[in-house]
Amino acid sequence: MKALEPWVVQPLETFLGESAARLALLMTSSGQVVAQHGFSRSLDVMTAAALGAGIVASTEELARLMGAQRFDALVHNGQRQSCMLAAFSTPRGRWIGLVVFGPETSVGIVRLFFDQMVQQLAAAAPREQPPAPMLAENFETELNASLKALFGR
């Protein structure tokens, strides 16, 4: 597992152990990756983050158009593996979890332990806000350092 925020590691590790999820990705609502488990290529992570953030934004807009509140989670069931996307609030803003799981577990188990992880993240999150993001002069260097931290390359 790779994480940019150290306080995310324990709740995510606990979730992975209890849910039997194969892949997990935690990101901000804009698709910025905070932590990942199971992805082997940075391109896969960035693609999944962009698609996941777009799907959640689209789904939330559909809910708004229908006069409904935000949907809790979106699940795509497959024969060999399934995917759950869920947005949630943290002291650091709105985040999205993308979880891929197989037939060795169920959406109910994944959802149960995901909700517990969200509570653990809320309790573990530092209360001070991170500095406002801005495009630094050394953006490329910082991006490469973040990718290296996530993938160890």
N, C-alpha and C. Protein backbone atom coordinates (compact mmCIF):
# COMPACT_ATOMS: atom_id res chain seq x y z
N MET A 1 0.85 -1.17 0.00
CA MET A 1 0.00 0.00 0.00
C MET A 1 0.88 1.23 0.00
N LYS A 2 0.42 2.24 -0.69
CA LYS A 2 1.12 3.53 -0.75
C LYS A 2 0.14 4.62 -0.34
N ALA A 3 0.62 5.57 0.48
CA ALA A 3 -0.24 6.66 0.93
C ALA A 3 0.57 7.95 1.04
N LEU A 4 -0.04 9.04 0.65
CA LEU A 4 0.60 10.35 0.78
C LEU A 4 0.39 10.93 2.17
N GLU A 5 -0.66 10.51 2.84
CA GLU A 5 -0.97 10.99 4.19
C GLU A 5 -0.79 9.82 5.15
N PRO A 6 0.15 9.89 6.11
CA PRO A 6 0.42 8.74 6.98
C PRO A 6 -0.77 8.32 7.86
N TRP A 7 -1.64 9.23 8.21
CA TRP A 7 -2.77 8.91 9.07
C TRP A 7 -3.83 8.08 8.35
N VAL A 8 -3.70 7.92 7.04
CA VAL A 8 -4.66 7.14 6.25
C VAL A 8 -4.31 5.65 6.26
N VAL A 9 -3.05 5.32 6.53
CA VAL A 9 -2.55 3.96 6.38
C VAL A 9 -3.31 2.95 7.25
N GLN A 10 -3.41 3.18 8.55
CA GLN A 10 -4.03 2.19 9.43
C GLN A 10 -5.50 1.93 9.11
N PRO A 11 -6.34 2.96 8.94
CA PRO A 11 -7.73 2.67 8.57
C PRO A 11 -7.86 1.91 7.25
N LEU A 12 -7.03 2.24 6.27
CA LEU A 12 -7.09 1.54 4.98
C LEU A 12 -6.60 0.10 5.11
N GLU A 13 -5.53 -0.13 5.87
CA GLU A 13 -5.05 -1.50 6.07
C GLU A 13 -6.10 -2.35 6.77
N THR A 14 -6.75 -1.78 7.77
CA THR A 14 -7.80 -2.52 8.49
C THR A 14 -8.94 -2.86 7.53
N PHE A 15 -9.37 -1.89 6.74
CA PHE A 15 -10.43 -2.13 5.77
C PHE A 15 -10.06 -3.26 4.80
N LEU A 16 -8.86 -3.20 4.26
CA LEU A 16 -8.42 -4.22 3.30
C LEU A 16 -8.41 -5.61 3.92
N GLY A 17 -7.94 -5.71 5.16
CA GLY A 17 -7.89 -7.00 5.83
C GLY A 17 -9.26 -7.57 6.14
N GLU A 18 -10.19 -6.72 6.54
CA GLU A 18 -11.52 -7.19 6.93
C GLU A 18 -12.45 -7.40 5.74
N SER A 19 -12.28 -6.63 4.68
CA SER A 19 -13.22 -6.70 3.56
C SER A 19 -12.81 -7.68 2.47
N ALA A 20 -11.54 -8.05 2.44
CA ALA A 20 -10.98 -8.91 1.37
C ALA A 20 -11.01 -8.21 0.01
N ALA A 21 -10.94 -6.88 0.02
CA ALA A 21 -10.91 -6.13 -1.24
C ALA A 21 -9.60 -6.39 -1.96
N ARG A 22 -9.64 -6.39 -3.28
CA ARG A 22 -8.45 -6.64 -4.09
C ARG A 22 -7.67 -5.36 -4.38
N LEU A 23 -8.40 -4.31 -4.72
CA LEU A 23 -7.80 -3.01 -5.05
C LEU A 23 -8.56 -1.94 -4.28
N ALA A 24 -7.86 -0.90 -3.88
CA ALA A 24 -8.52 0.23 -3.23
C ALA A 24 -7.80 1.51 -3.59
N LEU A 25 -8.58 2.55 -3.73
CA LEU A 25 -8.04 3.86 -4.10
C LEU A 25 -8.83 4.90 -3.31
N LEU A 26 -8.12 5.75 -2.58
CA LEU A 26 -8.73 6.88 -1.90
C LEU A 26 -8.25 8.14 -2.60
N MET A 27 -9.19 9.02 -2.91
CA MET A 27 -8.84 10.24 -3.64
C MET A 27 -9.73 11.38 -3.20
N THR A 28 -9.30 12.58 -3.52
CA THR A 28 -10.14 13.74 -3.28
C THR A 28 -11.24 13.77 -4.35
N SER A 29 -12.22 14.62 -4.18
CA SER A 29 -13.31 14.68 -5.15
C SER A 29 -12.84 15.18 -6.51
N SER A 30 -11.67 15.79 -6.57
CA SER A 30 -11.12 16.23 -7.85
C SER A 30 -10.25 15.15 -8.50
N GLY A 31 -10.10 14.01 -7.84
CA GLY A 31 -9.34 12.91 -8.41
C GLY A 31 -7.89 12.85 -7.98
N GLN A 32 -7.47 13.68 -7.03
CA GLN A 32 -6.10 13.63 -6.54
C GLN A 32 -5.96 12.41 -5.62
N VAL A 33 -5.03 11.53 -5.94
CA VAL A 33 -4.85 10.29 -5.20
C VAL A 33 -4.24 10.57 -3.83
N VAL A 34 -4.85 9.99 -2.79
CA VAL A 34 -4.35 10.11 -1.43
C VAL A 34 -3.68 8.80 -1.01
N ALA A 35 -4.26 7.67 -1.40
CA ALA A 35 -3.70 6.36 -1.07
C ALA A 35 -4.20 5.33 -2.07
N GLN A 36 -3.40 4.26 -2.24
CA GLN A 36 -3.81 3.19 -3.14
C GLN A 36 -3.24 1.88 -2.66
N HIS A 37 -3.94 0.81 -3.01
CA HIS A 37 -3.46 -0.55 -2.73
C HIS A 37 -3.82 -1.44 -3.91
N GLY A 38 -2.84 -2.20 -4.39
CA GLY A 38 -3.11 -3.21 -5.40
C GLY A 38 -2.85 -2.81 -6.83
N PHE A 39 -2.72 -1.53 -7.10
CA PHE A 39 -2.43 -1.09 -8.46
C PHE A 39 -0.93 -1.20 -8.68
N SER A 40 -0.52 -1.67 -9.85
CA SER A 40 0.91 -1.84 -10.09
C SER A 40 1.51 -0.76 -10.98
N ARG A 41 0.67 -0.01 -11.69
CA ARG A 41 1.19 1.02 -12.60
C ARG A 41 0.57 2.37 -12.27
N SER A 42 1.38 3.41 -12.31
CA SER A 42 0.88 4.75 -12.00
C SER A 42 -0.18 5.20 -12.99
N LEU A 43 -0.04 4.79 -14.25
CA LEU A 43 -1.04 5.15 -15.25
C LEU A 43 -2.41 4.58 -14.89
N ASP A 44 -2.44 3.34 -14.40
CA ASP A 44 -3.70 2.73 -13.97
C ASP A 44 -4.33 3.50 -12.82
N VAL A 45 -3.52 3.93 -11.87
CA VAL A 45 -4.03 4.67 -10.72
C VAL A 45 -4.61 6.01 -11.16
N MET A 46 -3.87 6.73 -11.97
CA MET A 46 -4.33 8.04 -12.42
C MET A 46 -5.59 7.93 -13.27
N THR A 47 -5.65 6.92 -14.12
CA THR A 47 -6.84 6.71 -14.95
C THR A 47 -8.04 6.37 -14.08
N ALA A 48 -7.85 5.44 -13.13
CA ALA A 48 -8.94 5.05 -12.24
C ALA A 48 -9.41 6.24 -11.41
N ALA A 49 -8.48 7.06 -10.93
CA ALA A 49 -8.85 8.23 -10.13
C ALA A 49 -9.67 9.23 -10.95
N ALA A 50 -9.22 9.50 -12.17
CA ALA A 50 -9.95 10.45 -13.03
C ALA A 50 -11.33 9.92 -13.36
N LEU A 51 -11.41 8.65 -13.74
CA LEU A 51 -12.72 8.07 -14.08
C LEU A 51 -13.63 8.01 -12.86
N GLY A 52 -13.08 7.59 -11.71
CA GLY A 52 -13.89 7.52 -10.49
C GLY A 52 -14.44 8.87 -10.08
N ALA A 53 -13.60 9.90 -10.11
CA ALA A 53 -14.07 11.24 -9.75
C ALA A 53 -15.14 11.73 -10.73
N GLY A 54 -14.96 11.43 -12.01
CA GLY A 54 -15.95 11.83 -13.01
C GLY A 54 -17.27 11.11 -12.83
N ILE A 55 -17.21 9.82 -12.52
CA ILE A 55 -18.44 9.03 -12.31
C ILE A 55 -19.19 9.55 -11.09
N VAL A 56 -18.47 9.81 -10.01
CA VAL A 56 -19.13 10.31 -8.80
C VAL A 56 -19.74 11.68 -9.06
N ALA A 57 -19.02 12.56 -9.74
CA ALA A 57 -19.57 13.88 -10.05
C ALA A 57 -20.82 13.76 -10.92
N SER A 58 -20.79 12.87 -11.91
CA SER A 58 -21.96 12.66 -12.78
C SER A 58 -23.14 12.11 -11.99
N THR A 59 -22.88 11.16 -11.14
CA THR A 59 -23.94 10.55 -10.34
C THR A 59 -24.55 11.55 -9.37
N GLU A 60 -23.71 12.39 -8.77
CA GLU A 60 -24.23 13.41 -7.86
C GLU A 60 -25.09 14.43 -8.61
N GLU A 61 -24.70 14.75 -9.81
CA GLU A 61 -25.50 15.69 -10.61
C GLU A 61 -26.83 15.06 -11.01
N LEU A 62 -26.82 13.77 -11.36
CA LEU A 62 -28.08 13.07 -11.66
C LEU A 62 -29.00 13.09 -10.45
N ALA A 63 -28.46 12.84 -9.27
CA ALA A 63 -29.26 12.88 -8.06
C ALA A 63 -29.87 14.27 -7.86
N ARG A 64 -29.06 15.30 -8.08
CA ARG A 64 -29.56 16.66 -7.93
C ARG A 64 -30.69 16.94 -8.90
N LEU A 65 -30.54 16.52 -10.16
CA LEU A 65 -31.58 16.73 -11.16
C LEU A 65 -32.87 16.00 -10.82
N MET A 66 -32.74 14.86 -10.15
CA MET A 66 -33.91 14.08 -9.75
C MET A 66 -34.52 14.59 -8.45
N GLY A 67 -33.89 15.59 -7.85
CA GLY A 67 -34.39 16.11 -6.58
C GLY A 67 -34.05 15.23 -5.40
N ALA A 68 -33.08 14.36 -5.57
CA ALA A 68 -32.68 13.45 -4.51
C ALA A 68 -31.41 13.95 -3.84
N GLN A 69 -31.13 13.40 -2.68
CA GLN A 69 -29.85 13.70 -2.04
C GLN A 69 -28.77 12.88 -2.74
N ARG A 70 -27.54 13.13 -2.39
CA ARG A 70 -26.43 12.38 -2.98
C ARG A 70 -26.64 10.88 -2.76
N PHE A 71 -26.25 10.09 -3.74
CA PHE A 71 -26.28 8.65 -3.57
C PHE A 71 -25.11 8.24 -2.67
N ASP A 72 -25.35 7.25 -1.83
CA ASP A 72 -24.29 6.81 -0.91
C ASP A 72 -23.16 6.11 -1.64
N ALA A 73 -23.51 5.20 -2.52
CA ALA A 73 -22.49 4.41 -3.21
C ALA A 73 -23.03 3.93 -4.54
N LEU A 74 -22.12 3.63 -5.42
CA LEU A 74 -22.45 3.09 -6.73
C LEU A 74 -21.68 1.78 -6.86
N VAL A 75 -22.40 0.70 -7.19
CA VAL A 75 -21.76 -0.61 -7.29
C VAL A 75 -21.99 -1.17 -8.69
N HIS A 76 -20.91 -1.64 -9.29
CA HIS A 76 -20.96 -2.33 -10.58
C HIS A 76 -20.61 -3.79 -10.29
N ASN A 77 -21.58 -4.69 -10.50
CA ASN A 77 -21.36 -6.11 -10.24
C ASN A 77 -20.88 -6.82 -11.49
N GLY A 78 -19.85 -7.63 -11.34
CA GLY A 78 -19.33 -8.42 -12.44
C GLY A 78 -19.27 -9.89 -12.04
N GLN A 79 -19.00 -10.75 -12.99
CA GLN A 79 -18.92 -12.17 -12.68
C GLN A 79 -17.69 -12.52 -11.87
N ARG A 80 -16.53 -11.92 -12.23
CA ARG A 80 -15.29 -12.24 -11.53
C ARG A 80 -14.86 -11.19 -10.53
N GLN A 81 -15.27 -9.96 -10.75
CA GLN A 81 -14.98 -8.91 -9.78
C GLN A 81 -16.00 -7.79 -9.92
N SER A 82 -16.13 -7.04 -8.84
CA SER A 82 -17.08 -5.94 -8.80
C SER A 82 -16.36 -4.69 -8.32
N CYS A 83 -17.02 -3.55 -8.49
CA CYS A 83 -16.41 -2.27 -8.14
C CYS A 83 -17.43 -1.43 -7.37
N MET A 84 -16.98 -0.80 -6.30
CA MET A 84 -17.82 0.12 -5.54
C MET A 84 -17.15 1.48 -5.52
N LEU A 85 -17.92 2.50 -5.81
CA LEU A 85 -17.48 3.89 -5.71
C LEU A 85 -18.34 4.56 -4.66
N ALA A 86 -17.72 5.21 -3.69
CA ALA A 86 -18.49 5.89 -2.65
C ALA A 86 -17.79 7.19 -2.27
N ALA A 87 -18.53 8.27 -2.23
CA ALA A 87 -18.01 9.56 -1.78
C ALA A 87 -18.36 9.72 -0.31
N PHE A 88 -17.47 10.40 0.42
CA PHE A 88 -17.69 10.59 1.85
C PHE A 88 -16.98 11.86 2.31
N SER A 89 -17.43 12.39 3.44
CA SER A 89 -16.84 13.60 3.99
C SER A 89 -15.75 13.27 5.00
N THR A 90 -14.69 14.05 4.97
CA THR A 90 -13.62 13.95 5.96
C THR A 90 -13.34 15.36 6.47
N PRO A 91 -12.60 15.48 7.56
CA PRO A 91 -12.19 16.82 8.00
C PRO A 91 -11.33 17.53 6.94
N ARG A 92 -10.81 16.78 5.98
CA ARG A 92 -9.99 17.34 4.90
C ARG A 92 -10.80 17.56 3.63
N GLY A 93 -12.12 17.48 3.70
CA GLY A 93 -12.96 17.70 2.52
C GLY A 93 -13.62 16.42 2.05
N ARG A 94 -14.22 16.49 0.91
CA ARG A 94 -14.94 15.34 0.34
C ARG A 94 -13.95 14.45 -0.39
N TRP A 95 -13.99 13.16 -0.06
CA TRP A 95 -13.12 12.16 -0.66
C TRP A 95 -13.97 11.10 -1.34
N ILE A 96 -13.31 10.30 -2.16
CA ILE A 96 -13.96 9.20 -2.87
C ILE A 96 -13.15 7.94 -2.64
N GLY A 97 -13.85 6.84 -2.41
CA GLY A 97 -13.21 5.54 -2.32
C GLY A 97 -13.63 4.69 -3.51
N LEU A 98 -12.67 4.06 -4.15
CA LEU A 98 -12.93 3.13 -5.24
C LEU A 98 -12.39 1.78 -4.76
N VAL A 99 -13.25 0.78 -4.73
CA VAL A 99 -12.87 -0.53 -4.22
C VAL A 99 -13.24 -1.60 -5.24
N VAL A 100 -12.30 -2.47 -5.54
CA VAL A 100 -12.55 -3.61 -6.43
C VAL A 100 -12.47 -4.87 -5.56
N PHE A 101 -13.48 -5.73 -5.70
CA PHE A 101 -13.53 -6.95 -4.89
C PHE A 101 -14.05 -8.10 -5.72
N GLY A 102 -13.75 -9.32 -5.28
CA GLY A 102 -14.14 -10.52 -6.01
C GLY A 102 -15.24 -11.29 -5.31
N PRO A 103 -15.51 -12.51 -5.79
CA PRO A 103 -16.59 -13.32 -5.24
C PRO A 103 -16.31 -13.86 -3.84
N GLU A 104 -15.07 -13.71 -3.36
CA GLU A 104 -14.74 -14.18 -2.01
C GLU A 104 -15.33 -13.30 -0.91
N THR A 105 -15.92 -12.19 -1.30
CA THR A 105 -16.59 -11.30 -0.36
C THR A 105 -17.88 -10.81 -1.01
N SER A 106 -18.60 -9.95 -0.32
CA SER A 106 -19.86 -9.45 -0.87
C SER A 106 -19.91 -7.94 -0.75
N VAL A 107 -20.81 -7.34 -1.50
CA VAL A 107 -20.95 -5.89 -1.44
C VAL A 107 -21.36 -5.46 -0.03
N GLY A 108 -22.14 -6.26 0.65
CA GLY A 108 -22.55 -5.92 2.02
C GLY A 108 -21.37 -5.87 2.98
N ILE A 109 -20.49 -6.84 2.88
CA ILE A 109 -19.29 -6.87 3.73
C ILE A 109 -18.38 -5.69 3.39
N VAL A 110 -18.16 -5.48 2.09
CA VAL A 110 -17.31 -4.36 1.67
C VAL A 110 -17.88 -3.05 2.18
N ARG A 111 -19.18 -2.87 2.02
CA ARG A 111 -19.82 -1.62 2.46
C ARG A 111 -19.73 -1.44 3.97
N LEU A 112 -19.95 -2.52 4.72
CA LEU A 112 -19.87 -2.45 6.19
C LEU A 112 -18.50 -1.98 6.64
N PHE A 113 -17.46 -2.62 6.11
CA PHE A 113 -16.11 -2.25 6.54
C PHE A 113 -15.64 -0.93 5.93
N PHE A 114 -16.19 -0.56 4.78
CA PHE A 114 -15.89 0.74 4.19
C PHE A 114 -16.43 1.85 5.11
N ASP A 115 -17.67 1.69 5.57
CA ASP A 115 -18.26 2.68 6.46
C ASP A 115 -17.45 2.80 7.76
N GLN A 116 -16.95 1.68 8.27
CA GLN A 116 -16.10 1.72 9.46
C GLN A 116 -14.79 2.45 9.17
N MET A 117 -14.22 2.22 7.98
CA MET A 117 -12.99 2.91 7.60
C MET A 117 -13.23 4.42 7.54
N VAL A 118 -14.36 4.84 6.99
CA VAL A 118 -14.68 6.27 6.90
C VAL A 118 -14.70 6.88 8.30
N GLN A 119 -15.30 6.20 9.26
CA GLN A 119 -15.32 6.69 10.64
C GLN A 119 -13.91 6.77 11.22
N GLN A 120 -13.09 5.76 10.94
CA GLN A 120 -11.71 5.76 11.43
C GLN A 120 -10.89 6.89 10.79
N LEU A 121 -11.12 7.14 9.50
CA LEU A 121 -10.42 8.24 8.83
C LEU A 121 -10.82 9.58 9.44
N ALA A 122 -12.10 9.75 9.73
CA ALA A 122 -12.56 11.01 10.33
C ALA A 122 -11.92 11.22 11.69
N ALA A 123 -11.77 10.14 12.46
CA ALA A 123 -11.17 10.26 13.78
C ALA A 123 -9.66 10.49 13.70
N ALA A 124 -9.01 9.93 12.69
CA ALA A 124 -7.55 10.02 12.58
C ALA A 124 -7.06 11.28 11.87
N ALA A 125 -7.93 11.94 11.13
CA ALA A 125 -7.51 13.10 10.32
C ALA A 125 -7.03 14.24 11.19
N PRO A 126 -5.89 14.83 10.84
CA PRO A 126 -5.44 16.02 11.56
C PRO A 126 -6.48 17.14 11.39
N ARG A 127 -6.67 17.91 12.41
CA ARG A 127 -7.70 18.95 12.38
C ARG A 127 -7.26 20.20 11.64
N GLU A 128 -5.95 20.46 11.55
CA GLU A 128 -5.52 21.63 10.80
C GLU A 128 -5.66 21.34 9.32
N GLN A 129 -6.02 22.35 8.58
CA GLN A 129 -6.20 22.20 7.14
C GLN A 129 -4.85 22.28 6.44
N PRO A 130 -4.66 21.46 5.41
CA PRO A 130 -3.42 21.58 4.65
C PRO A 130 -3.40 22.90 3.90
N PRO A 131 -2.23 23.38 3.54
CA PRO A 131 -2.18 24.65 2.81
C PRO A 131 -2.96 24.56 1.50
N ALA A 132 -3.51 25.67 1.08
CA ALA A 132 -4.28 25.70 -0.17
C ALA A 132 -3.38 25.32 -1.33
N PRO A 133 -3.88 24.44 -2.21
CA PRO A 133 -3.04 24.02 -3.33
C PRO A 133 -2.81 25.17 -4.30
N MET A 134 -1.60 25.23 -4.79
CA MET A 134 -1.27 26.19 -5.82
C MET A 134 -0.20 25.58 -6.70
N LEU A 135 -0.19 25.97 -7.92
CA LEU A 135 0.76 25.42 -8.87
C LEU A 135 2.13 26.02 -8.59
N ALA A 136 3.02 25.20 -8.06
CA ALA A 136 4.35 25.67 -7.70
C ALA A 136 5.26 25.72 -8.92
N GLU A 137 6.34 26.46 -8.76
CA GLU A 137 7.33 26.52 -9.84
C GLU A 137 7.93 25.15 -10.11
N ASN A 138 8.03 24.35 -9.05
CA ASN A 138 8.62 23.02 -9.18
C ASN A 138 7.53 21.93 -9.21
N PHE A 139 6.45 22.23 -9.91
CA PHE A 139 5.31 21.32 -9.98
C PHE A 139 5.71 19.93 -10.47
N GLU A 140 6.49 19.87 -11.54
CA GLU A 140 6.88 18.58 -12.11
C GLU A 140 7.70 17.77 -11.11
N THR A 141 8.60 18.41 -10.40
CA THR A 141 9.42 17.72 -9.39
C THR A 141 8.53 17.18 -8.27
N GLU A 142 7.59 18.00 -7.81
CA GLU A 142 6.68 17.56 -6.76
C GLU A 142 5.78 16.43 -7.24
N LEU A 143 5.31 16.50 -8.48
CA LEU A 143 4.49 15.43 -9.03
C LEU A 143 5.27 14.13 -9.09
N ASN A 144 6.49 14.19 -9.58
CA ASN A 144 7.33 12.99 -9.64
C ASN A 144 7.60 12.44 -8.25
N ALA A 145 7.83 13.30 -7.27
CA ALA A 145 8.06 12.85 -5.90
C ALA A 145 6.80 12.17 -5.34
N SER A 146 5.63 12.71 -5.64
CA SER A 146 4.37 12.10 -5.18
C SER A 146 4.16 10.73 -5.83
N LEU A 147 4.43 10.64 -7.12
CA LEU A 147 4.30 9.34 -7.81
C LEU A 147 5.29 8.34 -7.25
N LYS A 148 6.49 8.79 -6.95
CA LYS A 148 7.50 7.89 -6.38
C LYS A 148 7.04 7.41 -5.00
N ALA A 149 6.44 8.32 -4.21
CA ALA A 149 5.95 7.94 -2.88
C ALA A 149 4.83 6.91 -2.98
N LEU A 150 3.98 7.06 -4.00
CA LEU A 150 2.86 6.12 -4.17
C LEU A 150 3.30 4.78 -4.74
N PHE A 151 4.32 4.78 -5.59
CA PHE A 151 4.68 3.56 -6.30
C PHE A 151 6.08 3.08 -6.03
N GLY A 152 6.84 3.81 -5.25
CA GLY A 152 8.18 3.38 -4.89
C GLY A 152 9.15 3.32 -6.06
N ARG A 153 8.93 4.11 -7.08
CA ARG A 153 9.82 4.10 -8.24
C ARG A 153 10.58 5.40 -8.33
